[in-house]
Amino acid sequence: MSVTYLPLQAWNQHWTLDGTLVRCRYCGVSQDLTDAGAFQHAFGCKARTLEAQHPSRELAALLQQKIQLGLF
């Protein structure tokens, strides 16, 4: 039986994976998963915040937590 991992579910509300790209679900802009820089949303994107966003780093941290908790 599969158990939903809520932090990963929250990440998926804003981002989607497309091959080696992470893509904003709101503006469609993408960035390579290996790019550790801040994500650059399209102008006017409602997901854009004043604080820099690093979806690749966030995803890596979430997966690492899931592994450490034995949920993977």
PDB file of N, CA and C in Angstrom:
ATOM      1  N   MET A   1       0.833  -1.179   0.000  1.00  0.00           N
ATOM      2  CA  MET A   1       0.000   0.000   0.000  1.00  0.00           C
ATOM      3  C   MET A   1       0.881   1.246   0.000  1.00  0.00           C
ATOM      4  N   SER A   2       0.545   2.194  -0.814  1.00  0.00           N
ATOM      5  CA  SER A   2       1.297   3.433  -0.943  1.00  0.00           C
ATOM      6  C   SER A   2       0.776   4.480   0.042  1.00  0.00           C
ATOM      7  N   VAL A   3       1.705   5.162   0.702  1.00  0.00           N
ATOM      8  CA  VAL A   3       1.347   6.225   1.635  1.00  0.00           C
ATOM      9  C   VAL A   3       1.819   7.544   1.043  1.00  0.00           C
ATOM     10  N   THR A   4       0.944   8.535   1.028  1.00  0.00           N
ATOM     11  CA  THR A   4       1.300   9.843   0.479  1.00  0.00           C
ATOM     12  C   THR A   4       2.284  10.545   1.405  1.00  0.00           C
ATOM     13  N   TYR A   5       3.374  11.044   0.849  1.00  0.00           N
ATOM     14  CA  TYR A   5       4.372  11.806   1.596  1.00  0.00           C
ATOM     15  C   TYR A   5       4.032  13.275   1.393  1.00  0.00           C
ATOM     16  N   LEU A   6       3.457  13.906   2.417  1.00  0.00           N
ATOM     17  CA  LEU A   6       2.892  15.246   2.282  1.00  0.00           C
ATOM     18  C   LEU A   6       3.874  16.317   1.801  1.00  0.00           C
ATOM     19  N   PRO A   7       5.126  16.351   2.280  1.00  0.00           N
ATOM     20  CA  PRO A   7       6.044  17.368   1.746  1.00  0.00           C
ATOM     21  C   PRO A   7       6.259  17.237   0.238  1.00  0.00           C
ATOM     22  N   LEU A   8       6.326  16.008  -0.257  1.00  0.00           N
ATOM     23  CA  LEU A   8       6.501  15.791  -1.694  1.00  0.00           C
ATOM     24  C   LEU A   8       5.232  16.177  -2.446  1.00  0.00           C
ATOM     25  N   GLN A   9       4.092  15.904  -1.856  1.00  0.00           N
ATOM     26  CA  GLN A   9       2.817  16.300  -2.460  1.00  0.00           C
ATOM     27  C   GLN A   9       2.735  17.827  -2.568  1.00  0.00           C
ATOM     28  N   ALA A  10       3.201  18.541  -1.544  1.00  0.00           N
ATOM     29  CA  ALA A  10       3.207  20.008  -1.576  1.00  0.00           C
ATOM     30  C   ALA A  10       4.139  20.515  -2.677  1.00  0.00           C
ATOM     31  N   TRP A  11       5.307  19.883  -2.837  1.00  0.00           N
ATOM     32  CA  TRP A  11       6.248  20.271  -3.896  1.00  0.00           C
ATOM     33  C   TRP A  11       5.581  20.101  -5.257  1.00  0.00           C
ATOM     34  N   ASN A  12       4.854  19.000  -5.421  1.00  0.00           N
ATOM     35  CA  ASN A  12       4.188  18.700  -6.691  1.00  0.00           C
ATOM     36  C   ASN A  12       3.057  19.667  -7.030  1.00  0.00           C
ATOM     37  N   GLN A  13       2.571  20.411  -6.072  1.00  0.00           N
ATOM     38  CA  GLN A  13       1.531  21.402  -6.361  1.00  0.00           C
ATOM     39  C   GLN A  13       2.090  22.575  -7.162  1.00  0.00           C
ATOM     40  N   HIS A  14       3.388  22.831  -7.022  1.00  0.00           N
ATOM     41  CA  HIS A  14       4.011  23.980  -7.686  1.00  0.00           C
ATOM     42  C   HIS A  14       4.907  23.602  -8.858  1.00  0.00           C
ATOM     43  N   TRP A  15       5.442  22.376  -8.825  1.00  0.00           N
ATOM     44  CA  TRP A  15       6.448  21.972  -9.805  1.00  0.00           C
ATOM     45  C   TRP A  15       6.074  20.647 -10.450  1.00  0.00           C
ATOM     46  N   THR A  16       6.605  20.441 -11.660  1.00  0.00           N
ATOM     47  CA  THR A  16       6.447  19.160 -12.342  1.00  0.00           C
ATOM     48  C   THR A  16       7.782  18.798 -12.987  1.00  0.00           C
ATOM     49  N   LEU A  17       8.049  17.515 -13.109  1.00  0.00           N
ATOM     50  CA  LEU A  17       9.265  17.054 -13.771  1.00  0.00           C
ATOM     51  C   LEU A  17       8.942  16.694 -15.206  1.00  0.00           C
ATOM     52  N   ASP A  18       9.819  17.125 -16.106  1.00  0.00           N
ATOM     53  CA  ASP A  18       9.672  16.850 -17.534  1.00  0.00           C
ATOM     54  C   ASP A  18      11.036  16.394 -18.033  1.00  0.00           C
ATOM     55  N   GLY A  19      11.309  15.103 -17.899  1.00  0.00           N
ATOM     56  CA  GLY A  19      12.643  14.600 -18.229  1.00  0.00           C
ATOM     57  C   GLY A  19      13.641  15.128 -17.219  1.00  0.00           C
ATOM     58  N   THR A  20      14.631  15.867 -17.699  1.00  0.00           N
ATOM     59  CA  THR A  20      15.637  16.441 -16.797  1.00  0.00           C
ATOM     60  C   THR A  20      15.303  17.875 -16.417  1.00  0.00           C
ATOM     61  N   LEU A  21      14.089  18.302 -16.703  1.00  0.00           N
ATOM     62  CA  LEU A  21      13.676  19.673 -16.396  1.00  0.00           C
ATOM     63  C   LEU A  21      12.669  19.699 -15.260  1.00  0.00           C
ATOM     64  N   VAL A  22      12.759  20.732 -14.444  1.00  0.00           N
ATOM     65  CA  VAL A  22      11.724  21.009 -13.458  1.00  0.00           C
ATOM     66  C   VAL A  22      10.960  22.217 -14.003  1.00  0.00           C
ATOM     67  N   ARG A  23       9.643  22.130 -13.997  1.00  0.00           N
ATOM     68  CA  ARG A  23       8.816  23.144 -14.646  1.00  0.00           C
ATOM     69  C   ARG A  23       7.800  23.709 -13.657  1.00  0.00           C
ATOM     70  N   CYS A  24       7.617  25.022 -13.686  1.00  0.00           N
ATOM     71  CA  CYS A  24       6.599  25.677 -12.863  1.00  0.00           C
ATOM     72  C   CYS A  24       5.224  25.334 -13.428  1.00  0.00           C
ATOM     73  N   ARG A  25       4.320  24.891 -12.579  1.00  0.00           N
ATOM     74  CA  ARG A  25       2.970  24.529 -13.026  1.00  0.00           C
ATOM     75  C   ARG A  25       2.139  25.754 -13.409  1.00  0.00           C
ATOM     76  N   TYR A  26       2.550  26.936 -12.988  1.00  0.00           N
ATOM     77  CA  TYR A  26       1.768  28.142 -13.252  1.00  0.00           C
ATOM     78  C   TYR A  26       2.200  28.885 -14.512  1.00  0.00           C
ATOM     79  N   CYS A  27       3.518  29.068 -14.697  1.00  0.00           N
ATOM     80  CA  CYS A  27       3.973  29.843 -15.857  1.00  0.00           C
ATOM     81  C   CYS A  27       4.600  28.970 -16.944  1.00  0.00           C
ATOM     82  N   GLY A  28       4.922  27.718 -16.618  1.00  0.00           N
ATOM     83  CA  GLY A  28       5.473  26.806 -17.609  1.00  0.00           C
ATOM     84  C   GLY A  28       6.960  26.947 -17.862  1.00  0.00           C
ATOM     85  N   VAL A  29       7.614  27.900 -17.215  1.00  0.00           N
ATOM     86  CA  VAL A  29       9.055  28.073 -17.391  1.00  0.00           C
ATOM     87  C   VAL A  29       9.763  26.860 -16.788  1.00  0.00           C
ATOM     88  N   SER A  30      10.858  26.444 -17.421  1.00  0.00           N
ATOM     89  CA  SER A  30      11.579  25.270 -16.933  1.00  0.00           C
ATOM     90  C   SER A  30      13.037  25.600 -16.648  1.00  0.00           C
ATOM     91  N   GLN A  31      13.647  24.721 -15.862  1.00  0.00           N
ATOM     92  CA  GLN A  31      15.052  24.847 -15.495  1.00  0.00           C
ATOM     93  C   GLN A  31      15.599  23.431 -15.371  1.00  0.00           C
ATOM     94  N   ASP A  32      16.816  23.209 -15.815  1.00  0.00           N
ATOM     95  CA  ASP A  32      17.422  21.888 -15.714  1.00  0.00           C
ATOM     96  C   ASP A  32      17.604  21.505 -14.247  1.00  0.00           C
ATOM     97  N   LEU A  33      17.382  20.237 -13.946  1.00  0.00           N
ATOM     98  CA  LEU A  33      17.520  19.757 -12.570  1.00  0.00           C
ATOM     99  C   LEU A  33      18.926  19.962 -12.018  1.00  0.00           C
ATOM    100  N   THR A  34      19.928  20.006 -12.892  1.00  0.00           N
ATOM    101  CA  THR A  34      21.304  20.184 -12.427  1.00  0.00           C
ATOM    102  C   THR A  34      21.645  21.644 -12.168  1.00  0.00           C
ATOM    103  N   ASP A  35      20.762  22.557 -12.502  1.00  0.00           N
ATOM    104  CA  ASP A  35      20.984  23.990 -12.277  1.00  0.00           C
ATOM    105  C   ASP A  35      20.623  24.317 -10.830  1.00  0.00           C
ATOM    106  N   ALA A  36      21.625  24.631 -10.030  1.00  0.00           N
ATOM    107  CA  ALA A  36      21.396  24.907  -8.611  1.00  0.00           C
ATOM    108  C   ALA A  36      21.009  26.358  -8.349  1.00  0.00           C
ATOM    109  N   GLY A  37      20.974  27.172  -9.388  1.00  0.00           N
ATOM    110  CA  GLY A  37      20.628  28.578  -9.219  1.00  0.00           C
ATOM    111  C   GLY A  37      19.161  28.782  -8.914  1.00  0.00           C
ATOM    112  N   ALA A  38      18.829  30.007  -8.561  1.00  0.00           N
ATOM    113  CA  ALA A  38      17.438  30.353  -8.263  1.00  0.00           C
ATOM    114  C   ALA A  38      16.582  30.215  -9.522  1.00  0.00           C
ATOM    115  N   PHE A  39      15.362  29.742  -9.348  1.00  0.00           N
ATOM    116  CA  PHE A  39      14.432  29.560 -10.458  1.00  0.00           C
ATOM    117  C   PHE A  39      13.950  30.922 -10.941  1.00  0.00           C
ATOM    118  N   GLN A  40      13.898  31.098 -12.260  1.00  0.00           N
ATOM    119  CA  GLN A  40      13.455  32.361 -12.857  1.00  0.00           C
ATOM    120  C   GLN A  40      12.081  32.167 -13.494  1.00  0.00           C
ATOM    121  N   HIS A  41      11.038  32.576 -12.783  1.00  0.00           N
ATOM    122  CA  HIS A  41       9.674  32.471 -13.299  1.00  0.00           C
ATOM    123  C   HIS A  41       9.440  33.504 -14.400  1.00  0.00           C
ATOM    124  N   ALA A  42       8.386  33.291 -15.174  1.00  0.00           N
ATOM    125  CA  ALA A  42       7.953  34.280 -16.159  1.00  0.00           C
ATOM    126  C   ALA A  42       7.436  35.508 -15.412  1.00  0.00           C
ATOM    127  N   PHE A  43       7.570  36.663 -16.024  1.00  0.00           N
ATOM    128  CA  PHE A  43       7.074  37.895 -15.413  1.00  0.00           C
ATOM    129  C   PHE A  43       5.575  37.759 -15.158  1.00  0.00           C
ATOM    130  N   GLY A  44       5.150  38.111 -13.973  1.00  0.00           N
ATOM    131  CA  GLY A  44       3.737  38.056 -13.628  1.00  0.00           C
ATOM    132  C   GLY A  44       3.256  36.709 -13.128  1.00  0.00           C
ATOM    133  N   CYS A  45       4.141  35.725 -13.034  1.00  0.00           N
ATOM    134  CA  CYS A  45       3.735  34.400 -12.551  1.00  0.00           C
ATOM    135  C   CYS A  45       3.291  34.502 -11.098  1.00  0.00           C
ATOM    136  N   LYS A  46       2.149  33.895 -10.779  1.00  0.00           N
ATOM    137  CA  LYS A  46       1.637  33.977  -9.412  1.00  0.00           C
ATOM    138  C   LYS A  46       2.453  33.135  -8.428  1.00  0.00           C
ATOM    139  N   ALA A  47       3.315  32.270  -8.927  1.00  0.00           N
ATOM    140  CA  ALA A  47       4.167  31.468  -8.043  1.00  0.00           C
ATOM    141  C   ALA A  47       5.466  32.189  -7.695  1.00  0.00           C
ATOM    142  N   ARG A  48       5.732  33.291  -8.365  1.00  0.00           N
ATOM    143  CA  ARG A  48       6.950  34.064  -8.122  1.00  0.00           C
ATOM    144  C   ARG A  48       6.873  34.705  -6.738  1.00  0.00           C
ATOM    145  N   THR A  49       7.951  34.599  -5.971  1.00  0.00           N
ATOM    146  CA  THR A  49       7.996  35.171  -4.627  1.00  0.00           C
ATOM    147  C   THR A  49       9.211  36.081  -4.501  1.00  0.00           C
ATOM    148  N   LEU A  50       9.242  36.853  -3.426  1.00  0.00           N
ATOM    149  CA  LEU A  50      10.400  37.705  -3.178  1.00  0.00           C
ATOM    150  C   LEU A  50      11.610  36.863  -2.784  1.00  0.00           C
ATOM    151  N   GLU A  51      11.361  35.752  -2.121  1.00  0.00           N
ATOM    152  CA  GLU A  51      12.430  34.852  -1.715  1.00  0.00           C
ATOM    153  C   GLU A  51      12.788  33.928  -2.879  1.00  0.00           C
ATOM    154  N   ALA A  52      14.072  33.715  -3.089  1.00  0.00           N
ATOM    155  CA  ALA A  52      14.522  32.840  -4.178  1.00  0.00           C
ATOM    156  C   ALA A  52      13.989  31.426  -3.980  1.00  0.00           C
ATOM    157  N   GLN A  53      13.631  30.791  -5.080  1.00  0.00           N
ATOM    158  CA  GLN A  53      13.142  29.416  -5.047  1.00  0.00           C
ATOM    159  C   GLN A  53      14.157  28.513  -5.731  1.00  0.00           C
ATOM    160  N   HIS A  54      14.400  27.366  -5.134  1.00  0.00           N
ATOM    161  CA  HIS A  54      15.355  26.384  -5.651  1.00  0.00           C
ATOM    162  C   HIS A  54      14.673  25.017  -5.686  1.00  0.00           C
ATOM    163  N   PRO A  55      13.816  24.779  -6.670  1.00  0.00           N
ATOM    164  CA  PRO A  55      13.045  23.533  -6.690  1.00  0.00           C
ATOM    165  C   PRO A  55      13.895  22.267  -6.778  1.00  0.00           C
ATOM    166  N   SER A  56      15.023  22.320  -7.453  1.00  0.00           N
ATOM    167  CA  SER A  56      15.885  21.134  -7.557  1.00  0.00           C
ATOM    168  C   SER A  56      16.463  20.778  -6.192  1.00  0.00           C
ATOM    169  N   ARG A  57      16.915  21.785  -5.464  1.00  0.00           N
ATOM    170  CA  ARG A  57      17.456  21.558  -4.116  1.00  0.00           C
ATOM    171  C   ARG A  57      16.363  21.059  -3.177  1.00  0.00           C
ATOM    172  N   GLU A  58      15.173  21.663  -3.288  1.00  0.00           N
ATOM    173  CA  GLU A  58      14.052  21.257  -2.436  1.00  0.00           C
ATOM    174  C   GLU A  58      13.683  19.797  -2.698  1.00  0.00           C
ATOM    175  N   LEU A  59      13.629  19.410  -3.967  1.00  0.00           N
ATOM    176  CA  LEU A  59      13.286  18.034  -4.316  1.00  0.00           C
ATOM    177  C   LEU A  59      14.336  17.064  -3.784  1.00  0.00           C
ATOM    178  N   ALA A  60      15.604  17.407  -3.931  1.00  0.00           N
ATOM    179  CA  ALA A  60      16.679  16.544  -3.431  1.00  0.00           C
ATOM    180  C   ALA A  60      16.565  16.363  -1.919  1.00  0.00           C
ATOM    181  N   ALA A  61      16.285  17.438  -1.196  1.00  0.00           N
ATOM    182  CA  ALA A  61      16.144  17.362   0.262  1.00  0.00           C
ATOM    183  C   ALA A  61      14.940  16.504   0.654  1.00  0.00           C
ATOM    184  N   LEU A  62      13.828  16.658  -0.063  1.00  0.00           N
ATOM    185  CA  LEU A  62      12.631  15.865   0.238  1.00  0.00           C
ATOM    186  C   LEU A  62      12.871  14.380   0.006  1.00  0.00           C
ATOM    187  N   LEU A  63      13.534  14.053  -1.089  1.00  0.00           N
ATOM    188  CA  LEU A  63      13.825  12.647  -1.379  1.00  0.00           C
ATOM    189  C   LEU A  63      14.790  12.061  -0.353  1.00  0.00           C
ATOM    190  N   GLN A  64      15.761  12.866   0.062  1.00  0.00           N
ATOM    191  CA  GLN A  64      16.709  12.412   1.074  1.00  0.00           C
ATOM    192  C   GLN A  64      15.991  12.151   2.403  1.00  0.00           C
ATOM    193  N   GLN A  65      15.072  13.033   2.792  1.00  0.00           N
ATOM    194  CA  GLN A  65      14.293  12.841   4.020  1.00  0.00           C
ATOM    195  C   GLN A  65      13.448  11.575   3.929  1.00  0.00           C
ATOM    196  N   LYS A  66      12.831  11.377   2.780  1.00  0.00           N
ATOM    197  CA  LYS A  66      11.968  10.210   2.585  1.00  0.00           C
ATOM    198  C   LYS A  66      12.780   8.919   2.712  1.00  0.00           C
ATOM    199  N   ILE A  67      13.972   8.902   2.164  1.00  0.00           N
ATOM    200  CA  ILE A  67      14.848   7.733   2.266  1.00  0.00           C
ATOM    201  C   ILE A  67      15.245   7.501   3.719  1.00  0.00           C
ATOM    202  N   GLN A  68      15.632   8.572   4.423  1.00  0.00           N
ATOM    203  CA  GLN A  68      16.054   8.452   5.820  1.00  0.00           C
ATOM    204  C   GLN A  68      14.924   7.954   6.719  1.00  0.00           C
ATOM    205  N   LEU A  69      13.688   8.299   6.375  1.00  0.00           N
ATOM    206  CA  LEU A  69      12.535   7.852   7.156  1.00  0.00           C
ATOM    207  C   LEU A  69      12.089   6.442   6.779  1.00  0.00           C
ATOM    208  N   GLY A  70      12.750   5.860   5.787  1.00  0.00           N
ATOM    209  CA  GLY A  70      12.417   4.513   5.353  1.00  0.00           C
ATOM    210  C   GLY A  70      11.121   4.437   4.568  1.00  0.00           C
ATOM    211  N   LEU A  71      10.737   5.547   3.946  1.00  0.00           N
ATOM    212  CA  LEU A  71       9.486   5.600   3.191  1.00  0.00           C
ATOM    213  C   LEU A  71       9.698   5.374   1.703  1.00  0.00           C
ATOM    214  N   PHE A  72      10.918   5.093   1.313  1.00  0.00           N
ATOM    215  CA  PHE A  72      11.228   4.951  -0.104  1.00  0.00           C
ATOM    216  C   PHE A  72      11.776   3.585  -0.375  1.00  0.00           C
TER     217      PHE A  72
END
